[in-house]
């Protein structure tokens, strides 16, 4: 199964981060690395690092919300995190679209309509 490059780079970075955090998804990471080998990723190494860092920021902001301790956070803090997550996701979408263009699949873009990320 081949993913469009726009999704492949995103899923690869998520799998790489998950492996760094948990080491529990080697097969998933291998799957995406195998597909990434079909592309010359040397020209986009910096952007892949940026995408990885965006996912790391999102992971950090979401960690307490997903771990069952969100009741220890104020509603203000939860709201602030939600806005930060939205802002990071906006950057993520823009970067994914740039990567798609650089890898020759610019015709495949992630577009949000009537969405808070606009």
Protein backbone atom coordinates (compact mmCIF):
# COMPACT_ATOMS: atom_id res chain seq x y z
CA UNK A 1 0.00 0.00 0.00
CA UNK A 2 1.40 3.39 -0.99
CA UNK A 3 0.28 6.59 0.63
CA UNK A 4 0.25 9.95 -1.13
CA UNK A 5 3.50 11.65 -0.18
CA UNK A 6 1.64 14.32 1.78
CA UNK A 7 0.32 11.65 4.15
CA UNK A 8 3.44 9.52 4.06
CA UNK A 9 5.73 12.26 5.39
CA UNK A 10 3.23 13.08 8.12
CA UNK A 11 2.71 9.49 9.23
CA UNK A 12 6.44 8.81 9.04
CA UNK A 13 7.20 11.70 11.39
CA UNK A 14 4.47 10.61 13.80
CA UNK A 15 5.77 7.02 13.79
CA UNK A 16 9.33 8.24 14.30
CA UNK A 17 8.26 10.37 17.28
CA UNK A 18 6.16 7.58 18.74
CA UNK A 19 9.14 5.24 18.47
CA UNK A 20 11.38 7.80 20.17
CA UNK A 21 8.85 8.14 23.01
CA UNK A 22 7.72 4.52 23.42
CA UNK A 23 9.81 2.16 21.22
CA UNK A 24 6.55 0.25 20.81
CA UNK A 25 5.95 0.63 17.07
CA UNK A 26 8.99 -0.72 15.21
CA UNK A 27 6.86 -2.46 12.54
CA UNK A 28 4.93 0.75 11.85
CA UNK A 29 8.13 2.80 11.59
CA UNK A 30 9.70 0.20 9.28
CA UNK A 31 6.60 0.29 7.07
CA UNK A 32 6.86 4.05 6.56
CA UNK A 33 10.66 4.01 6.21
CA UNK A 34 10.32 1.46 3.41
CA UNK A 35 7.94 3.75 1.55
CA UNK A 36 10.10 6.81 2.21
CA UNK A 37 12.96 4.99 0.45
CA UNK A 38 11.04 5.51 -2.80
CA UNK A 39 11.77 9.24 -2.60
CA UNK A 40 14.93 11.29 -2.64
CA UNK A 41 14.44 12.88 0.77
CA UNK A 42 17.84 14.57 0.90
CA UNK A 43 16.42 17.89 -0.40
CA UNK A 44 13.69 17.89 2.27
CA UNK A 45 15.67 16.76 5.32
CA UNK A 46 15.30 20.14 7.01
CA UNK A 47 11.55 20.24 6.40
CA UNK A 48 11.16 16.68 7.71
CA UNK A 49 12.97 17.76 10.86
CA UNK A 50 10.60 20.72 11.15
CA UNK A 51 7.57 18.45 10.71
CA UNK A 52 8.95 16.10 13.37
CA UNK A 53 9.39 19.05 15.75
CA UNK A 54 5.82 20.22 15.10
CA UNK A 55 4.56 16.77 16.03
CA UNK A 56 6.76 16.83 19.14
CA UNK A 57 5.16 20.12 20.18
CA UNK A 58 1.67 18.73 19.61
CA UNK A 59 2.58 15.52 21.51
CA UNK A 60 3.77 17.61 24.44
CA UNK A 61 0.65 19.77 24.50
CA UNK A 62 -1.66 16.75 24.24
CA UNK A 63 0.17 14.41 26.64
CA UNK A 64 -1.60 15.44 29.83
CA UNK A 65 -4.92 15.72 28.04
CA UNK A 66 -4.62 12.11 26.89
CA UNK A 67 -3.14 10.61 30.04
CA UNK A 68 -6.22 10.95 32.22
CA UNK A 69 -4.94 13.83 34.33
CA UNK A 70 -6.74 16.56 32.44
CA UNK A 71 -8.93 17.13 35.51
CA UNK A 72 -5.82 18.60 37.15
CA UNK A 73 -5.69 21.32 34.49
CA UNK A 74 -7.82 24.43 34.59
CA UNK A 75 -10.31 25.05 31.81
CA UNK A 76 -8.22 28.07 30.89
CA UNK A 77 -5.14 25.86 30.47
CA UNK A 78 -7.09 23.32 28.41
CA UNK A 79 -8.40 26.11 26.18
CA UNK A 80 -4.94 27.60 25.74
CA UNK A 81 -3.55 24.20 24.79
CA UNK A 82 -6.36 23.67 22.29
CA UNK A 83 -5.50 26.97 20.60
CA UNK A 84 -1.78 26.11 20.56
CA UNK A 85 -2.54 22.67 19.09
CA UNK A 86 -4.67 24.32 16.40
CA UNK A 87 -1.87 26.76 15.59
CA UNK A 88 0.72 23.96 15.38
CA UNK A 89 -1.64 21.98 13.14
CA UNK A 90 -1.92 24.98 10.82
CA UNK A 91 1.87 25.02 10.51
CA UNK A 92 1.83 21.26 9.99
CA UNK A 93 -0.64 21.47 7.10
CA UNK A 94 1.33 24.25 5.41
CA UNK A 95 4.58 22.32 5.75
CA UNK A 96 3.01 19.08 4.46
CA UNK A 97 1.79 20.93 1.38
CA UNK A 98 5.26 22.41 0.81
CA UNK A 99 6.81 18.94 1.11
CA UNK A 100 4.31 17.55 -1.36
CA UNK A 101 5.35 20.18 -3.91
CA UNK A 102 9.06 19.58 -3.35
CA UNK A 103 8.59 15.84 -3.86
CA UNK A 104 6.72 16.33 -7.14
CA UNK A 105 3.19 15.70 -5.90
CA UNK A 106 2.09 19.30 -5.53
CA UNK A 107 -1.25 18.42 -7.09
CA UNK A 108 -2.06 16.61 -3.82
CA UNK A 109 -2.65 19.24 -1.14
CA UNK A 110 -4.43 19.21 2.20
CA UNK A 111 -7.17 21.83 2.10
CA UNK A 112 -9.42 22.76 4.99
CA UNK A 113 -12.71 24.47 4.22
CA UNK A 114 -14.95 26.04 6.84
CA UNK A 115 -12.41 24.93 9.41
CA UNK A 116 -10.75 26.72 12.30
CA UNK A 117 -7.35 26.13 10.70
CA UNK A 118 -8.13 28.68 7.98
